[in-house]
N, C-alpha and C. Protein backbone atom coordinates (compact mmCIF):
# COMPACT_ATOMS: atom_id res chain seq x y z
N MET A 1 80.45 -35.99 25.01
CA MET A 1 79.27 -36.01 24.13
C MET A 1 79.67 -35.42 22.79
N SER A 2 79.21 -36.09 21.72
CA SER A 2 79.58 -35.63 20.39
C SER A 2 78.75 -34.43 20.00
N LYS A 3 79.27 -33.71 18.99
CA LYS A 3 78.53 -32.56 18.47
C LYS A 3 77.19 -32.99 17.90
N GLN A 4 77.12 -34.19 17.31
CA GLN A 4 75.87 -34.63 16.71
C GLN A 4 74.81 -34.89 17.76
N SER A 5 75.22 -35.38 18.93
CA SER A 5 74.23 -35.66 19.98
C SER A 5 73.72 -34.37 20.62
N ARG A 6 74.56 -33.26 20.58
CA ARG A 6 74.10 -32.01 21.19
C ARG A 6 73.22 -31.21 20.23
N ARG A 7 73.18 -31.54 18.94
CA ARG A 7 72.40 -30.76 17.98
C ARG A 7 70.91 -31.00 18.21
N PRO A 8 70.09 -29.93 18.35
CA PRO A 8 68.65 -30.11 18.60
C PRO A 8 67.96 -30.74 17.40
N ASN A 9 66.95 -31.53 17.70
CA ASN A 9 66.16 -32.17 16.65
C ASN A 9 65.30 -31.13 15.95
N ARG A 10 65.48 -31.01 14.58
CA ARG A 10 64.76 -29.97 13.83
C ARG A 10 63.26 -30.21 13.83
N ALA A 11 62.85 -31.46 13.74
CA ALA A 11 61.42 -31.76 13.72
C ALA A 11 60.77 -31.36 15.02
N ALA A 12 61.44 -31.63 16.12
CA ALA A 12 60.88 -31.27 17.41
C ALA A 12 60.82 -29.77 17.57
N ARG A 13 61.85 -29.03 17.02
CA ARG A 13 61.89 -27.58 17.16
C ARG A 13 60.75 -26.92 16.40
N HIS A 14 60.37 -27.43 15.26
CA HIS A 14 59.33 -26.80 14.44
C HIS A 14 57.94 -27.30 14.76
N HIS A 15 57.76 -28.19 15.64
CA HIS A 15 56.44 -28.71 15.99
C HIS A 15 56.19 -28.61 17.47
N LYS A 16 56.65 -27.53 18.10
CA LYS A 16 56.36 -27.31 19.50
C LYS A 16 54.90 -26.99 19.68
N PRO A 17 54.21 -27.53 20.68
CA PRO A 17 52.80 -27.20 20.92
C PRO A 17 52.66 -25.74 21.33
N PRO A 18 51.63 -25.06 20.81
CA PRO A 18 51.45 -23.65 21.16
C PRO A 18 51.14 -23.48 22.62
N THR A 19 51.61 -22.40 23.17
CA THR A 19 51.31 -22.09 24.56
C THR A 19 49.91 -21.53 24.66
N LYS A 20 49.38 -21.32 25.87
CA LYS A 20 48.05 -20.77 26.08
C LYS A 20 47.91 -19.38 25.49
N SER A 21 48.99 -18.62 25.50
CA SER A 21 48.92 -17.24 25.00
C SER A 21 48.86 -17.17 23.48
N THR A 22 49.38 -18.21 22.78
CA THR A 22 49.42 -18.16 21.32
C THR A 22 48.39 -19.06 20.68
N ARG A 23 47.78 -20.02 21.44
CA ARG A 23 46.82 -20.95 20.87
C ARG A 23 45.54 -20.23 20.50
N ARG A 24 45.02 -20.44 19.27
CA ARG A 24 43.78 -19.84 18.81
C ARG A 24 42.70 -20.90 18.67
N SER A 25 41.53 -20.59 19.16
CA SER A 25 40.42 -21.54 19.06
C SER A 25 39.56 -21.18 17.86
N ARG A 26 39.18 -22.17 17.09
CA ARG A 26 38.34 -21.95 15.92
C ARG A 26 36.87 -21.99 16.32
N PRO A 27 36.07 -21.06 15.79
CA PRO A 27 34.64 -21.11 16.11
C PRO A 27 34.01 -22.35 15.51
N SER A 28 33.00 -22.86 16.19
CA SER A 28 32.33 -24.05 15.71
C SER A 28 31.47 -23.73 14.50
N ARG A 29 31.05 -24.76 13.79
CA ARG A 29 30.21 -24.55 12.61
C ARG A 29 28.87 -23.93 12.99
N ASN A 30 28.38 -24.21 14.20
CA ASN A 30 27.10 -23.63 14.63
C ASN A 30 27.16 -22.11 14.67
N VAL A 31 28.33 -21.57 15.03
CA VAL A 31 28.47 -20.12 15.08
C VAL A 31 28.32 -19.53 13.69
N TYR A 32 28.90 -20.19 12.67
CA TYR A 32 28.79 -19.70 11.31
C TYR A 32 27.34 -19.74 10.83
N TRP A 33 26.61 -20.80 11.21
CA TRP A 33 25.20 -20.90 10.82
C TRP A 33 24.39 -19.76 11.43
N VAL A 34 24.63 -19.46 12.68
CA VAL A 34 23.88 -18.39 13.35
C VAL A 34 24.16 -17.05 12.70
N LEU A 35 25.44 -16.78 12.40
CA LEU A 35 25.79 -15.52 11.76
C LEU A 35 25.16 -15.41 10.38
N GLY A 36 25.14 -16.52 9.65
CA GLY A 36 24.55 -16.50 8.31
C GLY A 36 23.06 -16.24 8.36
N LEU A 37 22.35 -16.88 9.29
CA LEU A 37 20.91 -16.66 9.41
C LEU A 37 20.61 -15.24 9.82
N ALA A 38 21.42 -14.67 10.69
CA ALA A 38 21.21 -13.29 11.12
C ALA A 38 21.37 -12.33 9.96
N ALA A 39 22.35 -12.60 9.09
CA ALA A 39 22.56 -11.73 7.93
C ALA A 39 21.38 -11.80 6.97
N VAL A 40 20.85 -13.02 6.74
CA VAL A 40 19.69 -13.16 5.86
C VAL A 40 18.49 -12.43 6.42
N ALA A 41 18.27 -12.56 7.73
CA ALA A 41 17.13 -11.87 8.36
C ALA A 41 17.25 -10.37 8.24
N ALA A 42 18.48 -9.86 8.37
CA ALA A 42 18.68 -8.41 8.25
C ALA A 42 18.37 -7.93 6.85
N ILE A 43 18.76 -8.72 5.83
CA ILE A 43 18.48 -8.33 4.44
C ILE A 43 16.99 -8.33 4.17
N ILE A 44 16.28 -9.36 4.65
CA ILE A 44 14.83 -9.41 4.43
C ILE A 44 14.13 -8.26 5.13
N GLY A 45 14.53 -7.96 6.37
CA GLY A 45 13.93 -6.85 7.09
C GLY A 45 14.15 -5.53 6.39
N ALA A 46 15.35 -5.34 5.84
CA ALA A 46 15.64 -4.09 5.14
C ALA A 46 14.80 -3.97 3.89
N SER A 47 14.54 -5.09 3.18
CA SER A 47 13.75 -5.02 1.96
C SER A 47 12.33 -4.62 2.27
N PHE A 48 11.77 -5.07 3.40
CA PHE A 48 10.42 -4.67 3.78
C PHE A 48 10.36 -3.20 4.11
N LEU A 49 11.39 -2.69 4.75
CA LEU A 49 11.40 -1.27 5.09
C LEU A 49 11.48 -0.40 3.86
N THR A 50 12.23 -0.82 2.85
CA THR A 50 12.39 0.02 1.67
C THR A 50 11.21 -0.07 0.74
N THR A 51 10.55 -1.23 0.63
CA THR A 51 9.42 -1.35 -0.28
C THR A 51 8.12 -0.91 0.35
N GLY A 52 8.00 -1.01 1.67
CA GLY A 52 6.77 -0.60 2.33
C GLY A 52 5.60 -1.52 2.05
N LYS A 53 5.85 -2.79 1.74
CA LYS A 53 4.79 -3.69 1.35
C LYS A 53 4.24 -4.50 2.50
N SER A 54 4.91 -4.54 3.62
CA SER A 54 4.56 -5.51 4.62
C SER A 54 3.18 -5.28 5.22
N SER A 55 2.84 -4.03 5.57
CA SER A 55 1.60 -3.79 6.28
C SER A 55 0.40 -4.06 5.41
N ASN A 56 0.41 -3.57 4.17
CA ASN A 56 -0.77 -3.71 3.33
C ASN A 56 -0.94 -5.13 2.82
N SER A 57 0.17 -5.79 2.44
CA SER A 57 0.06 -7.11 1.86
C SER A 57 -0.39 -8.12 2.91
N SER A 58 -0.11 -7.88 4.19
CA SER A 58 -0.51 -8.83 5.21
C SER A 58 -1.98 -8.66 5.58
N SER A 59 -2.49 -7.43 5.55
CA SER A 59 -3.86 -7.19 5.96
C SER A 59 -4.83 -7.34 4.80
N GLY A 60 -4.49 -6.79 3.64
CA GLY A 60 -5.35 -6.89 2.48
C GLY A 60 -6.53 -5.94 2.58
N PRO A 61 -7.38 -5.93 1.55
CA PRO A 61 -8.54 -5.04 1.53
C PRO A 61 -9.58 -5.46 2.56
N LEU A 62 -10.42 -4.51 2.96
CA LEU A 62 -11.53 -4.84 3.85
C LEU A 62 -12.52 -5.73 3.11
N LYS A 63 -13.26 -6.50 3.87
CA LYS A 63 -14.19 -7.45 3.29
C LYS A 63 -15.59 -6.85 3.15
N VAL A 64 -16.31 -7.30 2.13
CA VAL A 64 -17.70 -6.90 1.98
C VAL A 64 -18.49 -7.37 3.20
N GLY A 65 -19.27 -6.48 3.77
CA GLY A 65 -20.03 -6.79 4.97
C GLY A 65 -19.38 -6.28 6.24
N SER A 66 -18.11 -5.89 6.17
CA SER A 66 -17.43 -5.38 7.35
C SER A 66 -17.72 -3.90 7.54
N ALA A 67 -17.45 -3.41 8.73
CA ALA A 67 -17.67 -1.99 9.01
C ALA A 67 -16.66 -1.14 8.26
N ALA A 68 -17.13 -0.06 7.68
CA ALA A 68 -16.26 0.82 6.89
C ALA A 68 -15.52 1.78 7.79
N PRO A 69 -14.31 2.19 7.41
CA PRO A 69 -13.58 3.20 8.19
C PRO A 69 -14.24 4.56 8.02
N ALA A 70 -14.06 5.43 9.00
CA ALA A 70 -14.57 6.79 8.91
C ALA A 70 -13.68 7.59 7.96
N VAL A 71 -14.28 8.25 7.00
CA VAL A 71 -13.54 9.01 6.00
C VAL A 71 -13.80 10.49 6.18
N SER A 72 -12.74 11.27 6.14
CA SER A 72 -12.86 12.72 6.22
C SER A 72 -11.71 13.34 5.43
N GLY A 73 -11.93 14.52 4.90
CA GLY A 73 -10.90 15.21 4.14
C GLY A 73 -11.46 16.45 3.48
N ARG A 74 -10.58 17.29 2.95
CA ARG A 74 -11.02 18.54 2.32
C ARG A 74 -11.26 18.32 0.83
N ASP A 75 -12.43 18.76 0.39
CA ASP A 75 -12.78 18.71 -1.02
C ASP A 75 -12.02 19.84 -1.73
N VAL A 76 -11.11 19.48 -2.66
CA VAL A 76 -10.29 20.50 -3.32
C VAL A 76 -11.11 21.31 -4.32
N VAL A 77 -12.29 20.82 -4.69
CA VAL A 77 -13.13 21.53 -5.65
C VAL A 77 -13.86 22.69 -4.96
N SER A 78 -14.51 22.39 -3.85
CA SER A 78 -15.28 23.42 -3.14
C SER A 78 -14.49 24.07 -2.01
N GLY A 79 -13.42 23.41 -1.56
CA GLY A 79 -12.66 23.91 -0.42
C GLY A 79 -13.31 23.55 0.91
N ARG A 80 -14.41 22.80 0.85
CA ARG A 80 -15.14 22.45 2.07
C ARG A 80 -14.58 21.18 2.69
N GLU A 81 -14.53 21.17 4.02
CA GLU A 81 -14.10 19.99 4.74
C GLU A 81 -15.25 18.98 4.79
N ILE A 82 -14.99 17.76 4.35
CA ILE A 82 -15.98 16.69 4.41
C ILE A 82 -15.65 15.84 5.62
N THR A 83 -16.58 15.75 6.55
CA THR A 83 -16.35 15.00 7.78
C THR A 83 -17.13 13.69 7.75
N ALA A 84 -16.77 12.80 8.66
CA ALA A 84 -17.48 11.53 8.77
C ALA A 84 -18.94 11.77 9.12
N ASN A 85 -19.22 12.81 9.91
CA ASN A 85 -20.61 13.12 10.27
C ASN A 85 -21.42 13.52 9.04
N ASP A 86 -20.77 14.22 8.09
CA ASP A 86 -21.48 14.62 6.86
C ASP A 86 -21.93 13.40 6.06
N LEU A 87 -21.23 12.31 6.18
CA LEU A 87 -21.52 11.13 5.38
C LEU A 87 -22.38 10.10 6.11
N THR A 88 -22.65 10.34 7.39
CA THR A 88 -23.47 9.41 8.16
C THR A 88 -24.88 9.36 7.58
N GLY A 89 -25.40 8.17 7.40
CA GLY A 89 -26.75 8.00 6.88
C GLY A 89 -26.85 8.12 5.37
N LYS A 90 -25.70 8.15 4.67
CA LYS A 90 -25.69 8.23 3.21
C LYS A 90 -25.03 6.99 2.61
N ASN A 91 -25.49 6.64 1.43
CA ASN A 91 -24.81 5.60 0.65
C ASN A 91 -23.73 6.29 -0.17
N VAL A 92 -22.48 5.95 0.08
CA VAL A 92 -21.36 6.67 -0.53
C VAL A 92 -20.60 5.73 -1.46
N LEU A 93 -20.42 6.18 -2.70
CA LEU A 93 -19.59 5.46 -3.65
C LEU A 93 -18.24 6.17 -3.74
N TYR A 94 -17.20 5.51 -3.23
CA TYR A 94 -15.86 6.07 -3.27
C TYR A 94 -15.14 5.52 -4.50
N TYR A 95 -14.47 6.43 -5.17
CA TYR A 95 -13.59 6.03 -6.28
C TYR A 95 -12.17 6.45 -5.90
N LEU A 96 -11.27 5.47 -5.70
CA LEU A 96 -9.90 5.73 -5.27
C LEU A 96 -8.94 5.44 -6.42
N SER A 97 -8.10 6.43 -6.73
CA SER A 97 -7.15 6.26 -7.83
C SER A 97 -5.86 7.01 -7.52
N GLU A 98 -4.84 6.79 -8.35
CA GLU A 98 -3.57 7.48 -8.15
C GLU A 98 -3.64 8.94 -8.57
N GLY A 99 -4.60 9.31 -9.41
CA GLY A 99 -4.79 10.73 -9.71
C GLY A 99 -4.08 11.22 -10.95
N VAL A 100 -3.34 12.32 -10.82
CA VAL A 100 -2.82 13.03 -11.99
C VAL A 100 -1.77 12.22 -12.76
N LEU A 101 -1.16 11.23 -12.14
CA LEU A 101 -0.23 10.37 -12.87
C LEU A 101 -0.95 9.47 -13.88
N CYS A 102 -2.27 9.41 -13.77
CA CYS A 102 -3.07 8.52 -14.59
C CYS A 102 -4.19 9.32 -15.25
N GLN A 103 -4.01 9.66 -16.53
CA GLN A 103 -5.02 10.44 -17.22
C GLN A 103 -6.36 9.71 -17.25
N ALA A 104 -6.34 8.40 -17.43
CA ALA A 104 -7.57 7.62 -17.47
C ALA A 104 -8.36 7.74 -16.17
N CYS A 105 -7.64 7.91 -15.07
CA CYS A 105 -8.32 8.03 -13.77
C CYS A 105 -9.15 9.31 -13.71
N LEU A 106 -8.61 10.41 -14.22
CA LEU A 106 -9.34 11.67 -14.22
C LEU A 106 -10.48 11.65 -15.24
N VAL A 107 -10.26 10.98 -16.38
CA VAL A 107 -11.34 10.82 -17.36
C VAL A 107 -12.46 9.97 -16.76
N GLN A 108 -12.10 9.01 -15.91
CA GLN A 108 -13.11 8.20 -15.24
C GLN A 108 -14.00 9.07 -14.35
N ILE A 109 -13.41 10.03 -13.68
CA ILE A 109 -14.21 10.94 -12.85
C ILE A 109 -15.14 11.75 -13.72
N GLN A 110 -14.66 12.20 -14.86
CA GLN A 110 -15.52 12.93 -15.80
C GLN A 110 -16.72 12.07 -16.21
N ALA A 111 -16.46 10.79 -16.51
CA ALA A 111 -17.54 9.89 -16.91
C ALA A 111 -18.55 9.69 -15.78
N LEU A 112 -18.05 9.59 -14.57
CA LEU A 112 -18.95 9.44 -13.42
C LEU A 112 -19.83 10.68 -13.27
N GLN A 113 -19.25 11.85 -13.49
CA GLN A 113 -20.03 13.09 -13.42
C GLN A 113 -21.16 13.10 -14.43
N GLN A 114 -20.90 12.57 -15.60
CA GLN A 114 -21.91 12.55 -16.65
C GLN A 114 -23.08 11.63 -16.31
N HIS A 115 -22.90 10.78 -15.31
CA HIS A 115 -23.96 9.87 -14.88
C HIS A 115 -24.47 10.22 -13.48
N LEU A 116 -24.33 11.47 -13.11
CA LEU A 116 -24.76 11.87 -11.76
C LEU A 116 -26.25 11.60 -11.54
N SER A 117 -27.06 11.82 -12.57
CA SER A 117 -28.50 11.58 -12.41
C SER A 117 -28.77 10.10 -12.12
N ASN A 118 -27.99 9.23 -12.79
CA ASN A 118 -28.14 7.79 -12.52
C ASN A 118 -27.68 7.44 -11.11
N LEU A 119 -26.59 8.08 -10.67
CA LEU A 119 -26.10 7.84 -9.31
C LEU A 119 -27.11 8.35 -8.29
N ASP A 120 -27.67 9.52 -8.55
CA ASP A 120 -28.68 10.06 -7.63
C ASP A 120 -29.89 9.14 -7.58
N GLY A 121 -30.26 8.60 -8.74
CA GLY A 121 -31.40 7.68 -8.77
C GLY A 121 -31.13 6.40 -8.01
N ARG A 122 -29.88 6.06 -7.85
CA ARG A 122 -29.50 4.88 -7.07
C ARG A 122 -29.20 5.25 -5.62
N HIS A 123 -29.48 6.48 -5.24
CA HIS A 123 -29.24 6.98 -3.87
C HIS A 123 -27.77 6.89 -3.49
N LEU A 124 -26.89 7.27 -4.42
CA LEU A 124 -25.46 7.19 -4.18
C LEU A 124 -24.83 8.57 -4.19
N THR A 125 -23.97 8.82 -3.21
CA THR A 125 -23.18 10.04 -3.15
C THR A 125 -21.77 9.72 -3.62
N LEU A 126 -21.31 10.41 -4.65
CA LEU A 126 -20.00 10.13 -5.24
C LEU A 126 -18.91 10.97 -4.58
N ILE A 127 -17.83 10.32 -4.17
CA ILE A 127 -16.64 11.01 -3.67
C ILE A 127 -15.41 10.33 -4.27
N SER A 128 -14.58 11.11 -4.95
CA SER A 128 -13.34 10.59 -5.53
C SER A 128 -12.16 10.94 -4.63
N ILE A 129 -11.21 10.04 -4.54
CA ILE A 129 -10.04 10.21 -3.68
C ILE A 129 -8.80 9.85 -4.49
N THR A 130 -7.79 10.72 -4.50
CA THR A 130 -6.52 10.41 -5.15
C THR A 130 -5.39 10.63 -4.16
N ASN A 131 -4.20 10.16 -4.53
CA ASN A 131 -3.04 10.29 -3.65
C ASN A 131 -2.15 11.48 -4.00
N ASP A 132 -2.74 12.48 -4.68
CA ASP A 132 -2.01 13.70 -5.02
C ASP A 132 -2.01 14.68 -3.85
N GLY A 133 -1.13 15.68 -3.94
CA GLY A 133 -1.20 16.81 -3.02
C GLY A 133 -2.41 17.67 -3.37
N ALA A 134 -2.88 18.45 -2.39
CA ALA A 134 -4.11 19.22 -2.58
C ALA A 134 -3.99 20.23 -3.72
N SER A 135 -2.88 20.97 -3.80
CA SER A 135 -2.74 21.99 -4.84
C SER A 135 -2.65 21.37 -6.22
N THR A 136 -1.92 20.27 -6.33
CA THR A 136 -1.81 19.58 -7.62
C THR A 136 -3.17 19.05 -8.07
N LEU A 137 -3.90 18.48 -7.12
CA LEU A 137 -5.21 17.92 -7.45
C LEU A 137 -6.20 19.01 -7.82
N ALA A 138 -6.13 20.15 -7.15
CA ALA A 138 -7.03 21.26 -7.46
C ALA A 138 -6.79 21.76 -8.89
N GLN A 139 -5.55 21.85 -9.30
CA GLN A 139 -5.24 22.27 -10.67
C GLN A 139 -5.78 21.27 -11.68
N ALA A 140 -5.64 19.98 -11.38
CA ALA A 140 -6.16 18.95 -12.28
C ALA A 140 -7.68 19.00 -12.35
N ALA A 141 -8.32 19.26 -11.22
CA ALA A 141 -9.78 19.35 -11.20
C ALA A 141 -10.27 20.48 -12.09
N ALA A 142 -9.57 21.60 -12.06
CA ALA A 142 -9.94 22.74 -12.92
C ALA A 142 -9.71 22.41 -14.38
N ALA A 143 -8.60 21.74 -14.69
CA ALA A 143 -8.28 21.41 -16.08
C ALA A 143 -9.27 20.40 -16.66
N TYR A 144 -9.72 19.46 -15.84
CA TYR A 144 -10.65 18.44 -16.32
C TYR A 144 -12.11 18.79 -16.02
N LYS A 145 -12.33 19.99 -15.51
CA LYS A 145 -13.69 20.48 -15.22
C LYS A 145 -14.45 19.51 -14.30
N ILE A 146 -13.76 19.09 -13.26
CA ILE A 146 -14.37 18.20 -12.27
C ILE A 146 -15.11 19.04 -11.24
N THR A 147 -16.36 18.73 -11.01
CA THR A 147 -17.19 19.51 -10.08
C THR A 147 -17.67 18.68 -8.90
N THR A 148 -17.49 17.36 -8.95
CA THR A 148 -17.92 16.50 -7.86
C THR A 148 -16.84 16.47 -6.78
N PRO A 149 -17.21 16.10 -5.54
CA PRO A 149 -16.23 16.11 -4.44
C PRO A 149 -14.99 15.29 -4.75
N LEU A 150 -13.83 15.89 -4.45
CA LEU A 150 -12.54 15.29 -4.78
C LEU A 150 -11.58 15.55 -3.61
N ILE A 151 -11.14 14.48 -2.97
CA ILE A 151 -10.31 14.58 -1.77
C ILE A 151 -8.88 14.16 -2.09
N ALA A 152 -7.93 14.99 -1.66
CA ALA A 152 -6.51 14.64 -1.78
C ALA A 152 -6.08 13.80 -0.58
N ASP A 153 -5.39 12.72 -0.86
CA ASP A 153 -4.93 11.81 0.21
C ASP A 153 -3.45 11.50 0.03
N PRO A 154 -2.58 12.54 0.09
CA PRO A 154 -1.16 12.30 -0.16
C PRO A 154 -0.50 11.43 0.91
N SER A 155 -1.04 11.42 2.11
CA SER A 155 -0.46 10.60 3.18
C SER A 155 -0.87 9.13 3.07
N ARG A 156 -1.82 8.84 2.17
CA ARG A 156 -2.37 7.49 1.99
C ARG A 156 -3.20 7.03 3.18
N ARG A 157 -3.57 7.92 4.05
CA ARG A 157 -4.33 7.53 5.24
C ARG A 157 -5.66 6.86 4.87
N ILE A 158 -6.42 7.49 3.98
CA ILE A 158 -7.72 6.93 3.60
C ILE A 158 -7.53 5.65 2.79
N THR A 159 -6.60 5.69 1.85
CA THR A 159 -6.36 4.53 1.00
C THR A 159 -5.97 3.32 1.83
N ARG A 160 -5.10 3.52 2.81
CA ARG A 160 -4.68 2.42 3.68
C ARG A 160 -5.83 1.92 4.54
N SER A 161 -6.72 2.83 4.94
CA SER A 161 -7.82 2.42 5.82
C SER A 161 -8.74 1.42 5.13
N PHE A 162 -8.82 1.50 3.79
CA PHE A 162 -9.59 0.52 3.04
C PHE A 162 -8.74 -0.70 2.65
N GLY A 163 -7.44 -0.63 2.85
CA GLY A 163 -6.55 -1.74 2.51
C GLY A 163 -6.34 -1.91 1.03
N VAL A 164 -6.43 -0.81 0.25
CA VAL A 164 -6.35 -0.94 -1.21
C VAL A 164 -5.12 -0.23 -1.79
N LEU A 165 -4.13 0.04 -0.98
CA LEU A 165 -2.92 0.67 -1.49
C LEU A 165 -2.21 -0.30 -2.43
N GLY A 166 -1.96 0.14 -3.68
CA GLY A 166 -1.31 -0.72 -4.64
C GLY A 166 -2.23 -1.62 -5.42
N GLY A 167 -3.54 -1.51 -5.21
CA GLY A 167 -4.49 -2.34 -5.94
C GLY A 167 -4.87 -3.60 -5.20
N ILE A 168 -5.78 -4.38 -5.79
CA ILE A 168 -6.27 -5.60 -5.17
C ILE A 168 -6.09 -6.76 -6.16
N PRO A 169 -5.39 -7.84 -5.84
CA PRO A 169 -4.58 -7.97 -4.63
C PRO A 169 -3.40 -7.00 -4.67
N TYR A 170 -2.69 -6.93 -3.57
CA TYR A 170 -1.64 -5.92 -3.46
C TYR A 170 -0.64 -6.03 -4.59
N GLY A 171 -0.36 -4.87 -5.22
CA GLY A 171 0.67 -4.83 -6.24
C GLY A 171 0.19 -5.05 -7.66
N VAL A 172 -1.13 -5.14 -7.90
CA VAL A 172 -1.58 -5.36 -9.28
C VAL A 172 -1.54 -4.08 -10.10
N GLY A 173 -1.51 -2.92 -9.43
CA GLY A 173 -1.52 -1.66 -10.14
C GLY A 173 -0.14 -1.27 -10.67
N MET A 174 -0.10 -0.12 -11.33
CA MET A 174 1.16 0.37 -11.89
C MET A 174 2.12 0.82 -10.80
N HIS A 175 1.56 1.26 -9.66
CA HIS A 175 2.40 1.77 -8.56
C HIS A 175 1.94 1.14 -7.26
N THR A 176 2.88 0.59 -6.51
CA THR A 176 2.53 -0.07 -5.27
C THR A 176 2.29 0.90 -4.12
N ASP A 177 2.64 2.18 -4.30
CA ASP A 177 2.48 3.14 -3.21
C ASP A 177 1.31 4.09 -3.44
N THR A 178 0.41 3.77 -4.38
CA THR A 178 -0.79 4.59 -4.60
C THR A 178 -1.99 3.67 -4.75
N ALA A 179 -3.17 4.28 -4.72
CA ALA A 179 -4.37 3.52 -5.09
C ALA A 179 -4.28 3.17 -6.57
N ASP A 180 -5.10 2.22 -6.99
CA ASP A 180 -5.07 1.80 -8.39
C ASP A 180 -6.30 2.37 -9.11
N HIS A 181 -7.39 1.63 -9.17
CA HIS A 181 -8.62 2.06 -9.85
C HIS A 181 -9.76 1.33 -9.15
N THR A 182 -10.04 1.74 -7.93
CA THR A 182 -10.86 0.95 -7.01
C THR A 182 -12.13 1.68 -6.63
N PHE A 183 -13.23 0.93 -6.61
CA PHE A 183 -14.53 1.46 -6.18
C PHE A 183 -14.96 0.76 -4.91
N VAL A 184 -15.46 1.56 -3.96
CA VAL A 184 -15.95 1.03 -2.69
C VAL A 184 -17.32 1.65 -2.43
N LEU A 185 -18.30 0.82 -2.20
CA LEU A 185 -19.65 1.30 -1.88
C LEU A 185 -19.94 1.04 -0.41
N ILE A 186 -20.24 2.10 0.31
CA ILE A 186 -20.60 2.03 1.73
C ILE A 186 -22.07 2.39 1.86
N ASP A 187 -22.86 1.54 2.48
CA ASP A 187 -24.28 1.86 2.63
C ASP A 187 -24.49 2.78 3.83
N LYS A 188 -25.73 3.22 4.01
CA LYS A 188 -26.03 4.21 5.05
C LYS A 188 -25.87 3.67 6.46
N THR A 189 -25.74 2.35 6.61
CA THR A 189 -25.49 1.77 7.93
C THR A 189 -24.01 1.69 8.25
N GLY A 190 -23.17 2.09 7.27
CA GLY A 190 -21.73 2.07 7.51
C GLY A 190 -21.07 0.74 7.17
N LYS A 191 -21.76 -0.11 6.39
CA LYS A 191 -21.21 -1.40 5.99
C LYS A 191 -20.70 -1.34 4.55
N ILE A 192 -19.63 -2.07 4.29
CA ILE A 192 -19.10 -2.17 2.93
C ILE A 192 -19.98 -3.14 2.14
N ARG A 193 -20.55 -2.65 1.03
CA ARG A 193 -21.42 -3.48 0.21
C ARG A 193 -20.74 -3.90 -1.10
N PHE A 194 -19.68 -3.20 -1.47
CA PHE A 194 -19.01 -3.50 -2.74
C PHE A 194 -17.60 -2.95 -2.66
N LEU A 195 -16.62 -3.75 -3.12
CA LEU A 195 -15.22 -3.32 -3.14
C LEU A 195 -14.52 -4.07 -4.27
N ARG A 196 -14.12 -3.32 -5.31
CA ARG A 196 -13.51 -3.98 -6.46
C ARG A 196 -12.51 -3.06 -7.14
N ASP A 197 -11.43 -3.66 -7.62
CA ASP A 197 -10.40 -2.93 -8.33
C ASP A 197 -10.46 -3.27 -9.82
N TYR A 198 -10.20 -2.28 -10.66
CA TYR A 198 -10.21 -2.47 -12.11
C TYR A 198 -8.83 -2.09 -12.66
N PRO A 199 -7.89 -3.04 -12.69
CA PRO A 199 -6.51 -2.73 -13.06
C PRO A 199 -6.33 -2.29 -14.51
N ARG A 200 -7.34 -2.44 -15.35
CA ARG A 200 -7.23 -1.93 -16.71
C ARG A 200 -7.42 -0.41 -16.76
N MET A 201 -7.69 0.19 -15.61
CA MET A 201 -7.76 1.64 -15.46
C MET A 201 -8.99 2.24 -16.14
N TRP A 202 -10.04 1.45 -16.30
CA TRP A 202 -11.27 2.00 -16.87
C TRP A 202 -12.41 1.03 -16.64
N ILE A 203 -13.61 1.57 -16.36
CA ILE A 203 -14.82 0.78 -16.29
C ILE A 203 -15.94 1.66 -16.81
N ASP A 204 -16.71 1.13 -17.77
CA ASP A 204 -17.86 1.87 -18.26
C ASP A 204 -18.84 2.08 -17.10
N VAL A 205 -19.34 3.29 -16.95
CA VAL A 205 -20.17 3.61 -15.79
C VAL A 205 -21.44 2.77 -15.79
N ASN A 206 -22.03 2.56 -16.95
CA ASN A 206 -23.23 1.73 -17.01
C ASN A 206 -22.92 0.30 -16.55
N ALA A 207 -21.76 -0.21 -16.96
CA ALA A 207 -21.36 -1.55 -16.53
C ALA A 207 -21.11 -1.57 -15.02
N LEU A 208 -20.53 -0.49 -14.51
CA LEU A 208 -20.30 -0.40 -13.07
C LEU A 208 -21.61 -0.41 -12.29
N LEU A 209 -22.59 0.36 -12.79
CA LEU A 209 -23.88 0.44 -12.10
C LEU A 209 -24.58 -0.92 -12.08
N GLU A 210 -24.38 -1.71 -13.11
CA GLU A 210 -24.97 -3.04 -13.14
C GLU A 210 -24.34 -3.96 -12.09
N GLN A 211 -23.08 -3.71 -11.79
CA GLN A 211 -22.38 -4.56 -10.82
C GLN A 211 -22.66 -4.14 -9.38
N LEU A 212 -22.99 -2.88 -9.19
CA LEU A 212 -23.22 -2.40 -7.83
C LEU A 212 -24.52 -2.96 -7.25
N PRO A 213 -24.50 -3.36 -5.99
CA PRO A 213 -25.77 -3.80 -5.36
C PRO A 213 -26.69 -2.60 -5.15
N LYS A 214 -27.97 -2.85 -5.16
CA LYS A 214 -28.93 -1.78 -4.96
C LYS A 214 -29.05 -1.47 -3.47
N VAL A 215 -29.06 -0.21 -3.16
CA VAL A 215 -29.21 0.23 -1.76
C VAL A 215 -30.35 1.23 -1.69
N ASN A 216 -31.00 1.31 -0.55
CA ASN A 216 -32.12 2.24 -0.36
C ASN A 216 -31.62 3.61 0.11
């Protein structure tokens, strides 16, 4: 046998089929699609957790005619605890705002105080609610000479119960994690008779009284 016949074929040597131990299987395209969708879902879920928008934006504000949530909290002006029982049988006008971050919101409370006789004549009990801490809100109340009931809601519990966190519709206010400039009227039967947000951060009290339904 000649030397040329004993020489191995180079093409055959470099194209040997891989053995079972060295052969690698490529994942199918379906696997890549599944992984991609999972990554997108994870990103969307994380964005909801960081913004905190999912719960409020899905539920929205309570509707006029629906039963009102029970409201309770400590009045930072008098130091007295206001309970749901204290408000039973009363027509209550709630004013919810972000508080000390918004000077116009505190001036609005001052304007409401100046119309207390008109509110009393309409059989309305005024209660303002902000998302400040109690000590911060108490200092602001003293500075602005606020004497009407003022409840601190730093946990957003009351604001969320009305579905008005971030304004109506959700996110119209300056801050999505606080109340905006919202009025809610609850009649003595516990029904919501009026619920409206004023994103311009001001409403003339006389104009507000004209918009409010009359209650006995």
